[in-house]
Amino acid sequence: MLRFVDTATESIDPYVDLVPAEQLGHVRELARELRGARILQLNATSYGGGVAELLNSLVPLEKGLGLDVQWGVMVAEPSFFAFTKRLHNGLQGAPQFEVTKDEVEAYMRHNTHVAEEIRGKYDIVIVHDPQPAPVQLLARDTTAKWIWRVHIDLSAYNRDAWAFLEERIEGYDAFVFTMPEFVPKPLDQSRVHCFAPAIDPLSPKNIALPADLRDRIVRWTGVQLDRPILTQVSRFDPWKDPLGVIRVYRELREKHKGLQLALLGSMALDDPEGWSIYDKITQVVEGDPEIHVASNFTGIGNLEVNAFQSASDVVIQKSIREGFGLIVSETLWKGTPIVAGRTGGIPMQLSDGEGGFLVSREEDWVPRIDALLSDGAEAQRIGGLGRERVRQHFLITRLLEDELGLMAGVRSAPASTATPS
């Protein structure tokens, strides 16, 4: 089944003070080329993850440019999402991936329902990530142009996981990855495009907050503003290593008395694994009043994340694998320094001394964060450099330009010979 997300319609005019006027002009030009096309953005959840966050900004802006675009979300049983999370983990490099006959049947059955619902109704369909990936194959709609947008890190994919998915995505007209290193070699490279996600500087999560509002929000969670704050914002996911964050914090607090840790996570409809990780975290931190664990189920939304990213002394992103990591650019946009894993799309967003520091070895986490906590002026300078890098490369108008350009190009191209008959 398919559920449609009700979104606003937003103009790109307010971005004129943040990005080059030529970019906005090109966006409008590309949108004119796409007028009249029926467009569907299709993914697996409307909340709790980076894809949902991107679509929450992209779709309203595309509608504001006069495009006929809808955002559809798959509706499926929990066992479907339990399987697709294992598939996701396998594509990111989990060593084991096995699939049963019943799981294959359920995966294809749910995607068949979606395919039947959208067949013949759209001119361009952008399908996000593995959950709805077989829809193109099952729809057998040769009148539409199909784009598969992959947001995860496939640089070290499990071969069994990729083999399972590969035969179900061969017919797409275009594939989009965050960076070339993520592209599996078996794919037809002539149909591959690479461009990074981006943040919306005018969304509730990133817009500048008045200092008194920011401080009130942080205090509301029980965190004190007169003591240093270390924060990680992410899904409760083993690839984000939240238990490792706690270990790093406990080493740092030996030197930085009064240090507080905020672990802000999000639960998503398509990620049932998050609850087991959350349970492990709460067990580990039980009895430690300086560690604050909260999620979208306990009142943490966009404004709260904004406030913490703005008010924290340092943000940590202890990722083991990362497709892009929107929270890196979100944090840097607030001028807050970040220490993050040297993995996936994170090094695109910052470099050592420009926005924060990248970490490859476990023993480097504590000294890197310690350096920033010990020198507030230097931390502020480094964070400011990161903000400018985000302004130049990772704002939503650049992503809008890339996506509209791809849609226009795919729409004008001859029909793909790869589409199954």
Protein backbone atom coordinates (compact mmCIF):
# COMPACT_ATOMS: atom_id res chain seq x y z
CA MET A 1 0.00 0.00 0.00
CA LEU A 2 0.97 3.63 -0.46
CA ARG A 3 0.31 6.63 1.74
CA PHE A 4 0.80 10.19 0.50
CA VAL A 5 2.43 12.83 2.68
CA ASP A 6 0.72 16.20 2.88
CA THR A 7 3.38 18.88 2.42
CA ALA A 8 3.53 22.65 2.17
CA THR A 9 4.29 24.64 -0.98
CA GLU A 10 7.38 26.82 -0.52
CA SER A 11 9.05 29.51 -2.64
CA ILE A 12 12.81 29.57 -3.23
CA ASP A 13 12.79 33.38 -2.98
CA PRO A 14 13.76 33.49 0.74
CA TYR A 15 17.07 31.76 -0.07
CA VAL A 16 18.29 34.73 -2.10
CA ASP A 17 20.43 36.04 0.75
CA LEU A 18 22.12 32.68 1.32
CA VAL A 19 23.07 31.38 -2.14
CA PRO A 20 24.17 32.87 -5.50
CA ALA A 21 21.41 34.43 -7.56
CA GLU A 22 22.66 32.50 -10.62
CA GLN A 23 21.92 29.23 -8.85
CA LEU A 24 18.34 30.23 -8.13
CA GLY A 25 17.95 31.37 -11.72
CA HIS A 26 19.16 28.01 -13.01
CA VAL A 27 16.79 26.19 -10.66
CA ARG A 28 13.85 28.16 -12.07
CA GLU A 29 14.99 27.42 -15.62
CA LEU A 30 15.19 23.68 -14.95
CA ALA A 31 11.77 23.73 -13.31
CA ARG A 32 10.26 25.29 -16.42
CA GLU A 33 11.58 22.35 -18.45
CA LEU A 34 9.76 19.95 -16.12
CA ARG A 35 6.40 21.72 -16.02
CA GLY A 36 3.60 19.31 -16.82
CA ALA A 37 5.52 16.21 -15.74
CA ARG A 38 3.86 14.09 -13.06
CA ILE A 39 6.54 13.29 -10.48
CA LEU A 40 6.55 10.84 -7.57
CA GLN A 41 9.11 10.73 -4.74
CA LEU A 42 8.83 7.27 -3.14
CA ASN A 43 10.43 6.06 0.11
CA ALA A 44 9.67 4.01 3.21
CA THR A 45 9.03 6.53 6.00
CA SER A 46 7.92 10.11 6.46
CA TYR A 47 9.82 10.67 9.71
CA GLY A 48 12.89 9.70 11.69
CA GLY A 49 15.59 9.55 9.01
CA GLY A 50 17.67 11.58 6.59
CA VAL A 51 15.63 10.72 3.50
CA ALA A 52 12.41 11.89 5.13
CA GLU A 53 14.16 15.07 6.20
CA LEU A 54 15.37 15.76 2.66
CA LEU A 55 11.94 15.16 1.14
CA ASN A 56 10.31 17.37 3.76
CA SER A 57 12.25 20.26 2.23
CA LEU A 58 12.66 19.21 -1.41
CA VAL A 59 9.03 18.40 -2.19
CA PRO A 60 7.61 21.76 -0.96
CA LEU A 61 10.26 23.65 -2.94
CA GLU A 62 9.56 21.60 -6.08
CA LYS A 63 5.85 22.31 -5.66
CA GLY A 64 6.65 26.00 -5.18
CA LEU A 65 8.42 25.94 -8.55
CA GLY A 66 5.17 24.83 -10.17
CA LEU A 67 5.94 21.12 -10.43
CA ASP A 68 3.30 18.42 -10.08
CA VAL A 69 5.06 16.31 -7.44
CA GLN A 70 3.80 13.93 -4.78
CA TRP A 71 5.58 12.17 -1.92
CA GLY A 72 4.50 8.58 -1.40
CA VAL A 73 5.45 6.34 1.55
CA MET A 74 5.21 2.55 1.61
CA VAL A 75 2.87 0.98 4.16
CA ALA A 76 3.99 -2.50 5.17
CA GLU A 77 3.98 -4.95 8.07
CA PRO A 78 6.79 -4.90 10.68
CA SER A 79 8.39 -8.08 9.32
CA PHE A 80 8.92 -6.31 5.97
CA PHE A 81 10.92 -3.55 7.65
CA ALA A 82 12.82 -6.04 9.80
CA PHE A 83 13.99 -7.71 6.60
CA THR A 84 14.78 -4.49 4.72
CA LYS A 85 16.85 -3.28 7.69
CA ARG A 86 18.93 -6.47 7.42
CA LEU A 87 19.23 -5.82 3.69
CA HIS A 88 20.30 -2.25 4.44
CA ASN A 89 22.92 -3.52 6.91
CA GLY A 90 24.18 -6.05 4.37
CA LEU A 91 24.57 -3.36 1.73
CA GLN A 92 26.60 -1.34 4.24
CA GLY A 93 28.91 -4.28 4.86
CA ALA A 94 27.39 -6.49 7.57
CA PRO A 95 29.23 -9.83 7.22
CA GLN A 96 26.15 -12.05 7.20
CA PHE A 97 23.15 -11.78 4.89
CA GLU A 98 20.69 -14.61 4.38
CA VAL A 99 17.16 -14.48 3.09
CA THR A 100 14.32 -16.98 3.37
CA LYS A 101 11.69 -17.80 0.78
CA ASP A 102 9.02 -16.17 2.97
CA GLU A 103 11.05 -12.96 3.24
CA VAL A 104 11.49 -12.75 -0.52
CA GLU A 105 7.78 -13.34 -1.01
CA ALA A 106 6.83 -10.61 1.47
CA TYR A 107 9.36 -8.16 0.04
CA MET A 108 8.08 -8.60 -3.48
CA ARG A 109 4.41 -8.74 -2.45
CA HIS A 110 4.51 -5.37 -0.68
CA ASN A 111 6.35 -3.81 -3.60
CA THR A 112 3.86 -5.32 -6.03
CA HIS A 113 1.02 -3.57 -4.22
CA VAL A 114 2.84 -0.23 -4.59
CA ALA A 115 3.70 -0.91 -8.23
CA GLU A 116 0.07 -1.63 -9.07
CA GLU A 117 -1.05 1.55 -7.34
CA ILE A 118 1.30 3.87 -9.27
CA ARG A 119 1.45 2.16 -12.67
CA GLY A 120 0.76 4.63 -15.47
CA LYS A 121 0.18 7.60 -13.17
CA TYR A 122 3.59 9.31 -13.29
CA ASP A 123 6.14 10.51 -15.82
CA ILE A 124 9.12 10.45 -13.42
CA VAL A 125 9.49 8.26 -10.33
CA ILE A 126 12.37 8.71 -7.87
CA VAL A 127 12.69 5.65 -5.64
CA HIS A 128 14.77 6.00 -2.48
CA ASP A 129 16.89 3.21 -0.98
CA PRO A 130 16.34 -0.58 -0.87
CA GLN A 131 12.86 -0.85 0.62
CA PRO A 132 10.88 0.10 -2.53
CA ALA A 133 13.68 -0.73 -5.01
CA PRO A 134 11.79 -3.50 -6.92
CA VAL A 135 8.85 -1.22 -7.71
CA GLN A 136 10.26 -0.31 -11.13
CA LEU A 137 10.63 -3.97 -12.10
CA LEU A 138 7.15 -4.83 -10.88
CA ALA A 139 5.38 -1.81 -12.37
CA ARG A 140 6.65 -2.60 -15.88
CA ASP A 141 5.76 0.94 -16.83
CA THR A 142 7.86 1.87 -19.86
CA THR A 143 6.16 5.25 -20.22
CA ALA A 144 7.74 6.57 -17.02
CA LYS A 145 11.36 7.46 -16.33
CA TRP A 146 12.75 5.76 -13.23
CA ILE A 147 15.52 6.95 -10.91
CA TRP A 148 16.93 4.94 -7.98
CA ARG A 149 18.45 7.22 -5.33
CA VAL A 150 20.75 5.38 -2.89
CA HIS A 151 21.54 7.18 0.37
CA ILE A 152 23.67 4.51 2.05
CA ASP A 153 27.38 3.62 1.95
CA LEU A 154 27.92 0.70 -0.44
CA SER A 155 31.71 0.96 -0.50
CA ALA A 156 32.13 -2.41 1.27
CA TYR A 157 28.84 -4.15 0.47
CA ASN A 158 28.10 -7.75 1.35
CA ARG A 159 28.15 -9.63 -1.96
CA ASP A 160 25.08 -11.71 -1.12
CA ALA A 161 23.07 -8.61 -0.24
CA TRP A 162 24.06 -6.86 -3.45
CA ALA A 163 23.35 -9.96 -5.55
CA PHE A 164 19.85 -10.12 -4.05
CA LEU A 165 19.14 -6.49 -4.93
CA GLU A 166 20.99 -6.19 -8.23
CA GLU A 167 18.60 -8.30 -10.28
CA ARG A 168 15.69 -6.19 -9.01
CA ILE A 169 17.06 -2.79 -10.05
CA GLU A 170 18.50 -3.42 -13.51
CA GLY A 171 15.74 -1.54 -15.32
CA TYR A 172 16.21 1.93 -13.84
CA ASP A 173 17.00 4.78 -16.21
CA ALA A 174 19.38 6.38 -13.70
CA PHE A 175 21.10 5.56 -10.42
CA VAL A 176 22.14 8.27 -7.95
CA PHE A 177 24.80 7.79 -5.29
CA THR A 178 26.31 10.25 -2.84
CA MET A 179 29.86 9.71 -4.09
CA PRO A 180 31.69 7.56 -6.69
CA GLU A 181 33.21 5.33 -4.00
CA PHE A 182 29.71 4.02 -3.20
CA VAL A 183 28.94 2.78 -6.72
CA PRO A 184 29.07 -1.03 -7.15
CA LYS A 185 31.20 -1.88 -10.17
CA PRO A 186 28.61 -4.23 -11.75
CA LEU A 187 26.27 -1.28 -12.42
CA ASP A 188 26.06 0.26 -15.88
CA GLN A 189 28.24 3.32 -15.27
CA SER A 190 26.58 5.27 -18.08
CA ARG A 191 23.44 5.48 -15.95
CA VAL A 192 25.24 6.47 -12.72
CA HIS A 193 25.15 9.99 -11.27
CA CYS A 194 26.73 11.24 -8.06
CA PHE A 195 25.67 14.20 -5.95
CA ALA A 196 25.51 14.72 -2.22
CA PRO A 197 22.50 15.44 -0.01
CA ALA A 198 22.16 18.87 1.58
CA ILE A 199 20.48 20.69 4.45
CA ASP A 200 17.72 23.25 4.39
CA PRO A 201 19.01 26.37 6.19
CA LEU A 202 15.49 27.74 6.59
CA SER A 203 13.88 24.63 8.05
CA PRO A 204 12.95 24.50 11.76
CA LYS A 205 15.98 22.27 12.32
CA ASN A 206 18.47 24.76 10.91
CA ILE A 207 17.03 28.27 11.13
CA ALA A 208 18.80 30.57 13.60
CA LEU A 209 17.14 30.45 17.01
CA PRO A 210 17.04 33.40 19.43
CA ALA A 211 19.49 32.69 22.25
CA ASP A 212 16.82 32.78 24.96
CA LEU A 213 14.64 30.25 23.10
CA ARG A 214 17.63 28.00 22.40
CA ASP A 215 18.66 28.04 26.06
CA ARG A 216 15.14 27.41 27.32
CA ILE A 217 14.77 24.37 25.07
CA VAL A 218 18.07 22.87 26.27
CA ARG A 219 17.27 23.49 29.94
CA TRP A 220 13.85 21.89 29.44
CA THR A 221 15.60 18.55 28.85
CA GLY A 222 17.50 18.77 32.13
CA VAL A 223 20.84 19.78 30.60
CA GLN A 224 22.63 22.66 32.30
CA LEU A 225 24.06 25.49 30.24
CA ASP A 226 26.74 26.51 32.73
CA ARG A 227 28.61 23.23 32.15
CA PRO A 228 30.11 21.79 28.94
CA ILE A 229 27.87 19.76 26.64
CA LEU A 230 28.87 16.95 24.28
CA THR A 231 26.11 15.80 21.93
CA GLN A 232 25.47 13.08 19.37
CA VAL A 233 22.36 13.28 17.18
CA SER A 234 21.57 10.14 15.17
CA ARG A 235 19.32 7.16 14.84
CA PHE A 236 19.77 4.55 17.53
CA ASP A 237 21.77 2.39 15.17
CA PRO A 238 24.86 0.19 15.61
CA TRP A 239 26.51 1.97 12.66
CA LYS A 240 26.44 5.20 14.72
CA ASP A 241 28.17 3.43 17.68
CA PRO A 242 26.21 5.09 20.51
CA LEU A 243 27.78 2.76 23.08
CA GLY A 244 31.18 3.89 21.84
CA VAL A 245 30.10 7.50 22.35
CA ILE A 246 29.34 6.70 25.99
CA ARG A 247 32.80 5.17 26.45
CA VAL A 248 34.46 8.26 24.96
CA TYR A 249 32.38 10.55 27.20
CA ARG A 250 33.31 8.62 30.33
CA GLU A 251 37.00 9.07 29.55
CA LEU A 252 36.58 12.78 28.86
CA ARG A 253 34.70 13.54 32.07
CA GLU A 254 37.76 12.51 34.10
CA LYS A 255 39.41 15.73 32.88
CA HIS A 256 36.37 17.89 32.12
CA LYS A 257 34.46 17.94 35.38
CA GLY A 258 30.75 18.59 34.95
CA LEU A 259 30.74 17.45 31.32
CA GLN A 260 27.29 16.36 30.14
CA LEU A 261 26.41 13.97 27.31
CA ALA A 262 23.23 14.29 25.26
CA LEU A 263 22.32 11.31 23.08
CA LEU A 264 19.46 12.45 20.87
CA GLY A 265 18.05 9.76 18.65
CA SER A 266 15.13 9.17 16.37
CA MET A 267 12.90 6.19 15.82
CA ALA A 268 11.78 5.57 12.26
CA LEU A 269 8.99 3.41 10.90
CA ASP A 270 11.41 1.48 8.67
CA ASP A 271 14.00 0.81 11.43
CA PRO A 272 12.68 -1.65 14.05
CA GLU A 273 16.25 -2.37 15.18
CA GLY A 274 16.34 1.05 16.85
CA TRP A 275 14.33 -0.09 19.86
CA SER A 276 16.79 -2.83 20.81
CA ILE A 277 19.70 -0.39 20.55
CA TYR A 278 17.76 2.11 22.66
CA ASP A 279 17.20 -0.53 25.34
CA LYS A 280 20.93 -1.32 25.45
CA ILE A 281 21.78 2.37 25.81
CA THR A 282 19.34 2.92 28.67
CA GLN A 283 20.76 -0.07 30.52
CA VAL A 284 24.34 1.18 30.12
CA VAL A 285 23.58 4.74 31.30
CA GLU A 286 21.26 3.80 34.16
CA GLY A 287 22.19 5.72 37.29
CA ASP A 288 24.33 8.31 35.47
CA PRO A 289 22.52 11.67 35.78
CA GLU A 290 24.93 13.44 33.41
CA ILE A 291 23.93 11.34 30.39
CA HIS A 292 20.66 12.44 28.82
CA VAL A 293 19.02 10.04 26.35
CA ALA A 294 16.01 11.31 24.42
CA SER A 295 14.21 10.74 21.14
CA ASN A 296 11.33 11.85 18.97
CA PHE A 297 9.15 9.66 21.21
CA THR A 298 10.07 11.75 24.25
CA GLY A 299 9.62 15.20 22.74
CA ILE A 300 12.80 15.67 20.72
CA GLY A 301 11.93 17.22 17.39
CA ASN A 302 13.54 19.57 14.91
CA LEU A 303 13.65 22.60 17.22
CA GLU A 304 15.18 20.60 20.07
CA VAL A 305 17.89 19.20 17.79
CA ASN A 306 18.53 22.71 16.48
CA ALA A 307 18.93 24.02 20.02
CA PHE A 308 21.37 21.28 21.06
CA GLN A 309 23.47 21.58 17.91
CA SER A 310 23.68 25.32 18.55
CA ALA A 311 24.33 25.18 22.31
CA SER A 312 26.75 22.24 22.50
CA ASP A 313 30.45 22.84 23.02
CA VAL A 314 31.30 19.92 20.73
CA VAL A 315 29.21 17.50 18.69
CA ILE A 316 30.40 13.95 18.08
CA GLN A 317 29.38 11.70 15.17
CA LYS A 318 30.98 8.33 15.90
CA SER A 319 29.88 6.66 12.68
CA ILE A 320 31.32 3.37 11.51
CA ARG A 321 29.52 3.60 8.14
CA GLU A 322 27.76 6.73 6.89
CA GLY A 323 26.06 7.43 3.59
CA PHE A 324 26.38 11.17 4.15
CA GLY A 325 25.42 12.20 7.67
CA LEU A 326 23.19 15.26 7.39
CA ILE A 327 23.80 16.08 11.04
CA VAL A 328 27.40 17.00 10.19
CA SER A 329 26.34 19.83 7.90
CA GLU A 330 23.50 20.73 10.26
CA THR A 331 25.97 21.13 13.13
CA LEU A 332 28.51 23.08 11.10
CA TRP A 333 25.78 25.43 9.85
CA LYS A 334 25.34 26.50 13.49
CA GLY A 335 29.10 27.15 13.78
CA THR A 336 29.55 24.30 16.27
CA PRO A 337 32.68 22.15 15.85
CA ILE A 338 32.27 18.41 15.31
CA VAL A 339 34.51 15.38 15.72
CA ALA A 340 33.39 12.64 13.35
CA GLY A 341 34.40 9.31 11.88
CA ARG A 342 36.45 9.41 8.70
CA THR A 343 33.91 7.35 6.79
CA GLY A 344 31.46 7.59 3.92
CA GLY A 345 30.27 11.08 3.05
CA ILE A 346 31.51 12.74 6.24
CA PRO A 347 34.93 13.81 4.85
CA MET A 348 33.12 15.67 2.08
CA GLN A 349 31.70 17.99 4.73
CA LEU A 350 34.70 18.80 6.92
CA SER A 351 38.45 18.40 7.14
CA ASP A 352 40.85 18.58 10.06
CA GLY A 353 40.79 22.14 11.35
CA GLU A 354 37.92 23.20 9.07
CA GLY A 355 34.72 22.46 10.91
CA GLY A 356 36.29 20.03 13.34
CA PHE A 357 38.33 16.85 13.14
CA LEU A 358 38.07 13.47 11.43
CA VAL A 359 38.95 10.32 13.36
CA SER A 360 40.16 7.01 11.93
CA ARG A 361 41.56 5.33 15.07
CA GLU A 362 39.68 4.58 18.27
CA GLU A 363 42.43 6.09 20.42
CA ASP A 364 42.05 9.50 18.72
CA TRP A 365 38.47 10.26 19.75
CA VAL A 366 39.25 11.46 23.27
CA PRO A 367 42.24 13.73 22.45
CA ARG A 368 40.45 15.37 19.51
CA ILE A 369 37.36 16.23 21.55
CA ASP A 370 39.53 17.18 24.53
CA ALA A 371 41.38 19.74 22.40
CA LEU A 372 38.13 21.46 21.43
CA LEU A 373 36.70 21.39 24.96
CA SER A 374 39.93 22.87 26.31
CA ASP A 375 40.12 25.85 23.93
CA GLY A 376 36.73 27.46 23.38
CA ALA A 377 38.06 30.26 21.17
CA GLU A 378 39.79 27.85 18.81
CA ALA A 379 36.72 25.61 18.76
CA GLN A 380 34.59 28.59 17.77
CA ARG A 381 37.01 29.55 14.98
CA ILE A 382 37.06 26.02 13.57
CA GLY A 383 33.27 25.78 13.72
CA GLY A 384 32.94 29.04 11.81
CA LEU A 385 35.07 27.69 8.98
CA GLY A 386 32.76 24.71 8.76
CA ARG A 387 29.71 26.92 8.38
CA GLU A 388 31.20 28.58 5.31
CA ARG A 389 32.00 25.21 3.75
CA VAL A 390 28.37 24.17 4.17
CA ARG A 391 27.19 27.44 2.64
CA GLN A 392 29.25 26.80 -0.47
CA HIS A 393 28.49 23.12 -1.02
CA PHE A 394 25.69 21.63 1.07
CA LEU A 395 22.60 23.82 1.04
CA ILE A 396 19.26 22.57 -0.28
CA THR A 397 19.22 24.84 -3.35
CA ARG A 398 22.31 23.04 -4.71
CA LEU A 399 20.61 19.68 -4.20
CA LEU A 400 17.45 21.02 -5.84
CA GLU A 401 19.52 22.13 -8.83
CA ASP A 402 21.15 18.70 -9.10
CA GLU A 403 17.88 16.78 -8.82
CA LEU A 404 15.95 18.94 -11.28
CA GLY A 405 18.85 18.73 -13.74
CA LEU A 406 18.84 14.94 -13.51
CA MET A 407 15.08 14.72 -13.98
CA ALA A 408 15.22 17.01 -17.00
CA GLY A 409 18.03 14.99 -18.52
CA VAL A 410 16.37 11.63 -17.91
CA ARG A 411 13.04 12.87 -19.23
CA SER A 412 14.58 14.00 -22.52
CA ALA A 413 16.69 10.86 -22.99
CA PRO A 414 15.58 7.93 -25.20
CA ALA A 415 13.84 5.03 -23.47
CA SER A 416 16.26 2.79 -21.58
CA THR A 417 17.03 -0.49 -23.28
CA ALA A 418 17.60 -1.95 -19.79
CA THR A 419 13.92 -1.85 -18.88
CA PRO A 420 12.63 -5.43 -18.64
CA SER A 421 9.97 -6.41 -21.14
